[in-house]
Amino acid sequence: MGKYMYDFTNNGRSQKCQKFAVAIGKDSARSILTKFAGDYNRVFFANDAKDISK
């Protein structure tokens, strides 16, 4: 994890937040999103933006 991502996720208010991520498309950077969210189960996947619904 890069310094900026580490600082963002581990300092200040971000440290206490529950984080989720959305990966759109087969070429999405899932490993980076997993590092951000802190758990693979907090990353949601969609093949296309139209697949995301309320």
Protein backbone atom coordinates (compact mmCIF):
# COMPACT_ATOMS: atom_id res chain seq x y z
CA MET A 1 0.00 0.00 0.00
CA GLY A 2 1.36 3.39 -0.95
CA LYS A 3 2.10 6.09 1.61
CA TYR A 4 -0.89 8.24 0.63
CA MET A 5 -3.34 5.35 0.78
CA TYR A 6 -1.88 4.24 4.11
CA ASP A 7 -2.13 7.75 5.54
CA PHE A 8 -5.68 8.16 4.27
CA THR A 9 -6.94 4.87 5.70
CA ASN A 10 -5.01 4.87 8.99
CA ASN A 11 -5.05 8.47 10.21
CA GLY A 12 -7.71 10.89 11.36
CA ARG A 13 -11.40 10.20 10.88
CA SER A 14 -10.79 7.74 8.04
CA GLN A 15 -9.20 5.39 10.54
CA LYS A 16 -12.53 4.96 12.33
CA CYS A 17 -14.74 4.66 9.24
CA GLN A 18 -16.22 1.52 7.83
CA LYS A 19 -15.04 1.49 4.23
CA PHE A 20 -16.60 -0.12 1.16
CA ALA A 21 -15.56 -0.04 -2.49
CA VAL A 22 -17.16 -0.74 -5.86
CA ALA A 23 -15.16 -2.37 -8.65
CA ILE A 24 -16.62 -1.65 -12.08
CA GLY A 25 -15.47 -3.77 -15.01
CA LYS A 26 -13.17 -6.72 -15.34
CA ASP A 27 -10.09 -4.46 -15.47
CA SER A 28 -10.76 -2.77 -12.12
CA ALA A 29 -7.93 -2.66 -9.57
CA ARG A 30 -9.53 -5.10 -7.12
CA SER A 31 -6.40 -5.56 -5.03
CA ILE A 32 -6.14 -1.82 -4.40
CA LEU A 33 -9.85 -1.60 -3.57
CA THR A 34 -9.48 -4.51 -1.15
CA LYS A 35 -6.59 -2.76 0.58
CA PHE A 36 -8.70 0.40 0.84
CA ALA A 37 -11.78 -1.40 2.17
CA GLY A 38 -9.72 -3.61 4.48
CA ASP A 39 -11.48 -6.82 3.46
CA TYR A 40 -12.32 -8.52 0.16
CA ASN A 41 -15.93 -8.92 1.35
CA ARG A 42 -16.34 -5.14 1.45
CA VAL A 43 -15.63 -4.80 -2.27
CA PHE A 44 -18.70 -5.03 -4.50
CA PHE A 45 -18.40 -5.94 -8.17
CA ALA A 46 -20.27 -4.84 -11.28
CA ASN A 47 -19.49 -5.61 -14.90
CA ASP A 48 -20.75 -2.22 -16.02
CA ALA A 49 -21.89 0.97 -14.28
CA LYS A 50 -25.46 0.18 -15.35
CA ASP A 51 -25.29 -2.94 -13.15
CA ILE A 52 -25.17 -0.77 -10.04
CA SER A 53 -28.61 -0.17 -8.58
CA LYS A 54 -30.09 1.32 -5.46
